[in-house]
């Protein structure tokens, strides 16, 4: 599972072809539901490694 702080760099020139499913978790450290979902997403990433890509994007309030 990748933990991404600056997702903009990943979007430049990105052309998703649909070969591998992607789950993107936009989360914040202060968000209770986000924290509750985190262990489930981690298990999912481990269980489906190589078949599903799981990305976590940390939302930082500006």
PDB file of N, CA and C in Angstrom:
ATOM      1  N   UNK A   1       0.857  -1.152   0.000  1.00  0.00           N
ATOM      2  CA  UNK A   1       0.000   0.000   0.000  1.00  0.00           C
ATOM      3  C   UNK A   1       0.912   1.226   0.000  1.00  0.00           C
ATOM      4  N   UNK A   2       0.612   2.142  -0.878  1.00  0.00           N
ATOM      5  CA  UNK A   2       1.400   3.369  -0.953  1.00  0.00           C
ATOM      6  C   UNK A   2       0.706   4.476  -0.177  1.00  0.00           C
ATOM      7  N   UNK A   3       1.489   5.237   0.553  1.00  0.00           N
ATOM      8  CA  UNK A   3       0.982   6.382   1.288  1.00  0.00           C
ATOM      9  C   UNK A   3       1.502   7.633   0.583  1.00  0.00           C
ATOM     10  N   UNK A   4       0.605   8.403   0.003  1.00  0.00           N
ATOM     11  CA  UNK A   4       0.982   9.533  -0.845  1.00  0.00           C
ATOM     12  C   UNK A   4       0.587  10.839  -0.175  1.00  0.00           C
ATOM     13  N   UNK A   5       1.525  11.773  -0.100  1.00  0.00           N
ATOM     14  CA  UNK A   5       1.209  13.084   0.467  1.00  0.00           C
ATOM     15  C   UNK A   5       0.928  14.093  -0.645  1.00  0.00           C
ATOM     16  N   UNK A   6       1.640  14.013  -1.755  1.00  0.00           N
ATOM     17  CA  UNK A   6       1.446  14.937  -2.871  1.00  0.00           C
ATOM     18  C   UNK A   6       0.985  14.141  -4.090  1.00  0.00           C
ATOM     19  N   UNK A   7      -0.316  14.004  -4.244  1.00  0.00           N
ATOM     20  CA  UNK A   7      -0.849  13.184  -5.327  1.00  0.00           C
ATOM     21  C   UNK A   7      -0.739  13.853  -6.693  1.00  0.00           C
ATOM     22  N   UNK A   8      -0.535  15.161  -6.737  1.00  0.00           N
ATOM     23  CA  UNK A   8      -0.486  15.871  -8.017  1.00  0.00           C
ATOM     24  C   UNK A   8       0.597  15.305  -8.931  1.00  0.00           C
ATOM     25  N   UNK A   9       1.746  14.941  -8.366  1.00  0.00           N
ATOM     26  CA  UNK A   9       2.837  14.408  -9.179  1.00  0.00           C
ATOM     27  C   UNK A   9       2.451  13.094  -9.849  1.00  0.00           C
ATOM     28  N   UNK A  10       1.536  12.341  -9.259  1.00  0.00           N
ATOM     29  CA  UNK A  10       1.116  11.073  -9.834  1.00  0.00           C
ATOM     30  C   UNK A  10       0.127  11.259 -10.976  1.00  0.00           C
ATOM     31  N   UNK A  11      -0.535  12.423 -11.021  1.00  0.00           N
ATOM     32  CA  UNK A  11      -1.545  12.659 -12.041  1.00  0.00           C
ATOM     33  C   UNK A  11      -0.965  13.185 -13.348  1.00  0.00           C
ATOM     34  N   UNK A  12       0.199  13.787 -13.300  1.00  0.00           N
ATOM     35  CA  UNK A  12       0.814  14.336 -14.512  1.00  0.00           C
ATOM     36  C   UNK A  12       1.136  13.214 -15.483  1.00  0.00           C
ATOM     37  N   UNK A  13       0.534  13.250 -16.654  1.00  0.00           N
ATOM     38  CA  UNK A  13       0.808  12.253 -17.682  1.00  0.00           C
ATOM     39  C   UNK A  13       0.232  10.882 -17.383  1.00  0.00           C
ATOM     40  N   UNK A  14      -0.607  10.771 -16.369  1.00  0.00           N
ATOM     41  CA  UNK A  14      -1.163   9.479 -15.979  1.00  0.00           C
ATOM     42  C   UNK A  14      -2.309   9.105 -16.911  1.00  0.00           C
ATOM     43  N   UNK A  15      -2.177   7.974 -17.543  1.00  0.00           N
ATOM     44  CA  UNK A  15      -3.213   7.480 -18.449  1.00  0.00           C
ATOM     45  C   UNK A  15      -3.609   6.091 -17.981  1.00  0.00           C
ATOM     46  N   UNK A  16      -4.610   6.022 -17.147  1.00  0.00           N
ATOM     47  CA  UNK A  16      -5.035   4.736 -16.600  1.00  0.00           C
ATOM     48  C   UNK A  16      -5.708   3.905 -17.678  1.00  0.00           C
ATOM     49  N   UNK A  17      -5.195   2.707 -17.878  1.00  0.00           N
ATOM     50  CA  UNK A  17      -5.720   1.840 -18.936  1.00  0.00           C
ATOM     51  C   UNK A  17      -6.727   0.821 -18.420  1.00  0.00           C
ATOM     52  N   UNK A  18      -6.888   0.737 -17.109  1.00  0.00           N
ATOM     53  CA  UNK A  18      -7.876  -0.179 -16.564  1.00  0.00           C
ATOM     54  C   UNK A  18      -7.393  -1.602 -16.407  1.00  0.00           C
ATOM     55  N   UNK A  19      -6.103  -1.836 -16.477  1.00  0.00           N
ATOM     56  CA  UNK A  19      -5.570  -3.200 -16.372  1.00  0.00           C
ATOM     57  C   UNK A  19      -5.635  -3.715 -14.930  1.00  0.00           C
ATOM     58  N   UNK A  20      -5.394  -2.840 -13.961  1.00  0.00           N
ATOM     59  CA  UNK A  20      -5.417  -3.223 -12.550  1.00  0.00           C
ATOM     60  C   UNK A  20      -6.368  -2.296 -11.810  1.00  0.00           C
ATOM     61  N   UNK A  21      -7.305  -2.856 -11.052  1.00  0.00           N
ATOM     62  CA  UNK A  21      -8.196  -1.994 -10.265  1.00  0.00           C
ATOM     63  C   UNK A  21      -7.409  -1.194  -9.240  1.00  0.00           C
ATOM     64  N   UNK A  22      -7.854   0.032  -8.988  1.00  0.00           N
ATOM     65  CA  UNK A  22      -7.194   0.918  -8.043  1.00  0.00           C
ATOM     66  C   UNK A  22      -8.221   1.424  -7.034  1.00  0.00           C
ATOM     67  N   UNK A  23      -7.859   1.341  -5.751  1.00  0.00           N
ATOM     68  CA  UNK A  23      -8.670   1.915  -4.683  1.00  0.00           C
ATOM     69  C   UNK A  23      -7.868   3.086  -4.132  1.00  0.00           C
ATOM     70  N   UNK A  24      -8.459   4.269  -4.109  1.00  0.00           N
ATOM     71  CA  UNK A  24      -7.783   5.445  -3.577  1.00  0.00           C
ATOM     72  C   UNK A  24      -8.509   5.876  -2.312  1.00  0.00           C
ATOM     73  N   UNK A  25      -7.793   5.856  -1.211  1.00  0.00           N
ATOM     74  CA  UNK A  25      -8.345   6.251   0.082  1.00  0.00           C
ATOM     75  C   UNK A  25      -7.860   7.653   0.411  1.00  0.00           C
ATOM     76  N   UNK A  26      -8.745   8.634   0.325  1.00  0.00           N
ATOM     77  CA  UNK A  26      -8.432   9.997   0.727  1.00  0.00           C
ATOM     78  C   UNK A  26      -8.748  10.090   2.216  1.00  0.00           C
ATOM     79  N   UNK A  27      -7.725  10.333   3.040  1.00  0.00           N
ATOM     80  CA  UNK A  27      -7.943  10.300   4.479  1.00  0.00           C
ATOM     81  C   UNK A  27      -7.302  11.502   5.173  1.00  0.00           C
ATOM     82  N   UNK A  28      -7.711  11.704   6.406  1.00  0.00           N
ATOM     83  CA  UNK A  28      -7.108  12.733   7.265  1.00  0.00           C
ATOM     84  C   UNK A  28      -6.864  12.101   8.633  1.00  0.00           C
ATOM     85  N   UNK A  29      -5.787  12.487   9.276  1.00  0.00           N
ATOM     86  CA  UNK A  29      -5.444  11.893  10.566  1.00  0.00           C
ATOM     87  C   UNK A  29      -6.473  12.208  11.649  1.00  0.00           C
ATOM     88  N   UNK A  30      -7.193  13.327  11.506  1.00  0.00           N
ATOM     89  CA  UNK A  30      -8.185  13.719  12.507  1.00  0.00           C
ATOM     90  C   UNK A  30      -9.552  13.078  12.268  1.00  0.00           C
ATOM     91  N   UNK A  31      -9.715  12.337  11.181  1.00  0.00           N
ATOM     92  CA  UNK A  31     -11.007  11.761  10.791  1.00  0.00           C
ATOM     93  C   UNK A  31     -11.200  10.370  11.406  1.00  0.00           C
ATOM     94  N   UNK A  32     -12.162  10.270  12.326  1.00  0.00           N
ATOM     95  CA  UNK A  32     -12.445   8.992  12.983  1.00  0.00           C
ATOM     96  C   UNK A  32     -12.826   7.875  12.022  1.00  0.00           C
ATOM     97  N   UNK A  33     -13.778   8.099  11.101  1.00  0.00           N
ATOM     98  CA  UNK A  33     -14.135   7.054  10.149  1.00  0.00           C
ATOM     99  C   UNK A  33     -12.952   6.637   9.258  1.00  0.00           C
ATOM    100  N   UNK A  34     -12.102   7.587   8.923  1.00  0.00           N
ATOM    101  CA  UNK A  34     -10.912   7.261   8.124  1.00  0.00           C
ATOM    102  C   UNK A  34     -10.010   6.303   8.888  1.00  0.00           C
ATOM    103  N   UNK A  35      -9.814   6.574  10.171  1.00  0.00           N
ATOM    104  CA  UNK A  35      -8.962   5.729  11.009  1.00  0.00           C
ATOM    105  C   UNK A  35      -9.590   4.344  11.190  1.00  0.00           C
ATOM    106  N   UNK A  36     -10.910   4.284  11.282  1.00  0.00           N
ATOM    107  CA  UNK A  36     -11.599   3.004  11.439  1.00  0.00           C
ATOM    108  C   UNK A  36     -11.475   2.146  10.183  1.00  0.00           C
ATOM    109  N   UNK A  37     -11.436   2.778   9.040  1.00  0.00           N
ATOM    110  CA  UNK A  37     -11.354   2.063   7.766  1.00  0.00           C
ATOM    111  C   UNK A  37      -9.934   1.602   7.429  1.00  0.00           C
ATOM    112  N   UNK A  38      -8.932   2.251   7.992  1.00  0.00           N
ATOM    113  CA  UNK A  38      -7.528   1.992   7.662  1.00  0.00           C
ATOM    114  C   UNK A  38      -7.104   0.525   7.793  1.00  0.00           C
ATOM    115  N   UNK A  39      -7.412  -0.171   8.902  1.00  0.00           N
ATOM    116  CA  UNK A  39      -6.982  -1.568   9.007  1.00  0.00           C
ATOM    117  C   UNK A  39      -7.599  -2.476   7.934  1.00  0.00           C
ATOM    118  N   UNK A  40      -8.846  -2.192   7.574  1.00  0.00           N
ATOM    119  CA  UNK A  40      -9.513  -2.985   6.557  1.00  0.00           C
ATOM    120  C   UNK A  40      -8.840  -2.793   5.193  1.00  0.00           C
ATOM    121  N   UNK A  41      -8.507  -1.559   4.878  1.00  0.00           N
ATOM    122  CA  UNK A  41      -7.831  -1.297   3.607  1.00  0.00           C
ATOM    123  C   UNK A  41      -6.442  -1.918   3.575  1.00  0.00           C
ATOM    124  N   UNK A  42      -5.761  -1.910   4.715  1.00  0.00           N
ATOM    125  CA  UNK A  42      -4.437  -2.532   4.780  1.00  0.00           C
ATOM    126  C   UNK A  42      -4.544  -4.034   4.528  1.00  0.00           C
ATOM    127  N   UNK A  43      -5.517  -4.695   5.145  1.00  0.00           N
ATOM    128  CA  UNK A  43      -5.723  -6.135   4.911  1.00  0.00           C
ATOM    129  C   UNK A  43      -6.071  -6.404   3.454  1.00  0.00           C
ATOM    130  N   UNK A  44      -6.917  -5.561   2.886  1.00  0.00           N
ATOM    131  CA  UNK A  44      -7.311  -5.701   1.489  1.00  0.00           C
ATOM    132  C   UNK A  44      -6.088  -5.582   0.576  1.00  0.00           C
ATOM    133  N   UNK A  45      -5.233  -4.590   0.848  1.00  0.00           N
ATOM    134  CA  UNK A  45      -4.021  -4.396   0.050  1.00  0.00           C
ATOM    135  C   UNK A  45      -3.108  -5.610   0.138  1.00  0.00           C
ATOM    136  N   UNK A  46      -2.972  -6.171   1.329  1.00  0.00           N
ATOM    137  CA  UNK A  46      -2.117  -7.346   1.507  1.00  0.00           C
ATOM    138  C   UNK A  46      -2.712  -8.579   0.836  1.00  0.00           C
ATOM    139  N   UNK A  47      -4.010  -8.776   1.004  1.00  0.00           N
ATOM    140  CA  UNK A  47      -4.682  -9.960   0.462  1.00  0.00           C
ATOM    141  C   UNK A  47      -4.681  -9.967  -1.069  1.00  0.00           C
ATOM    142  N   UNK A  48      -4.826  -8.792  -1.683  1.00  0.00           N
ATOM    143  CA  UNK A  48      -4.929  -8.703  -3.140  1.00  0.00           C
ATOM    144  C   UNK A  48      -3.688  -8.082  -3.779  1.00  0.00           C
ATOM    145  N   UNK A  49      -2.562  -8.156  -3.087  1.00  0.00           N
ATOM    146  CA  UNK A  49      -1.318  -7.584  -3.607  1.00  0.00           C
ATOM    147  C   UNK A  49      -1.013  -8.132  -5.000  1.00  0.00           C
ATOM    148  N   UNK A  50      -0.711  -7.210  -5.911  1.00  0.00           N
ATOM    149  CA  UNK A  50      -0.430  -7.595  -7.292  1.00  0.00           C
ATOM    150  C   UNK A  50      -1.665  -7.662  -8.181  1.00  0.00           C
ATOM    151  N   UNK A  51      -2.847  -7.731  -7.563  1.00  0.00           N
ATOM    152  CA  UNK A  51      -4.091  -7.791  -8.346  1.00  0.00           C
ATOM    153  C   UNK A  51      -4.921  -6.529  -8.212  1.00  0.00           C
ATOM    154  N   UNK A  52      -4.759  -5.812  -7.080  1.00  0.00           N
ATOM    155  CA  UNK A  52      -5.454  -4.548  -6.829  1.00  0.00           C
ATOM    156  C   UNK A  52      -4.428  -3.592  -6.235  1.00  0.00           C
ATOM    157  N   UNK A  53      -4.423  -2.358  -6.709  1.00  0.00           N
ATOM    158  CA  UNK A  53      -3.511  -1.355  -6.172  1.00  0.00           C
ATOM    159  C   UNK A  53      -4.295  -0.477  -5.209  1.00  0.00           C
ATOM    160  N   UNK A  54      -3.779  -0.319  -3.983  1.00  0.00           N
ATOM    161  CA  UNK A  54      -4.431   0.504  -2.968  1.00  0.00           C
ATOM    162  C   UNK A  54      -3.520   1.686  -2.672  1.00  0.00           C
ATOM    163  N   UNK A  55      -4.055   2.890  -2.844  1.00  0.00           N
ATOM    164  CA  UNK A  55      -3.310   4.117  -2.580  1.00  0.00           C
ATOM    165  C   UNK A  55      -3.992   4.882  -1.451  1.00  0.00           C
ATOM    166  N   UNK A  56      -3.201   5.466  -0.575  1.00  0.00           N
ATOM    167  CA  UNK A  56      -3.728   6.316   0.498  1.00  0.00           C
ATOM    168  C   UNK A  56      -3.215   7.718   0.245  1.00  0.00           C
ATOM    169  N   UNK A  57      -4.126   8.682   0.200  1.00  0.00           N
ATOM    170  CA  UNK A  57      -3.767  10.074  -0.013  1.00  0.00           C
ATOM    171  C   UNK A  57      -4.126  10.857   1.244  1.00  0.00           C
ATOM    172  N   UNK A  58      -3.105  11.396   1.907  1.00  0.00           N
ATOM    173  CA  UNK A  58      -3.306  12.142   3.139  1.00  0.00           C
ATOM    174  C   UNK A  58      -3.744  13.563   2.805  1.00  0.00           C
ATOM    175  N   UNK A  59      -4.941  13.929   3.220  1.00  0.00           N
ATOM    176  CA  UNK A  59      -5.456  15.266   2.989  1.00  0.00           C
ATOM    177  C   UNK A  59      -4.993  16.173   4.116  1.00  0.00           C
ATOM    178  N   UNK A  60      -4.307  17.211   3.767  1.00  0.00           N
ATOM    179  CA  UNK A  60      -3.784  18.139   4.757  1.00  0.00           C
ATOM    180  C   UNK A  60      -4.544  19.454   4.629  1.00  0.00           C
ATOM    181  N   UNK A  61      -5.143  19.889   5.723  1.00  0.00           N
ATOM    182  CA  UNK A  61      -5.884  21.166   5.699  1.00  0.00           C
ATOM    183  C   UNK A  61      -4.907  22.312   5.512  1.00  0.00           C
ATOM    184  N   UNK A  62      -5.286  23.244   4.642  1.00  0.00           N
ATOM    185  CA  UNK A  62      -4.390  24.377   4.412  1.00  0.00           C
ATOM    186  C   UNK A  62      -4.945  25.654   4.999  1.00  0.00           C
TER     187      UNK A  62
END
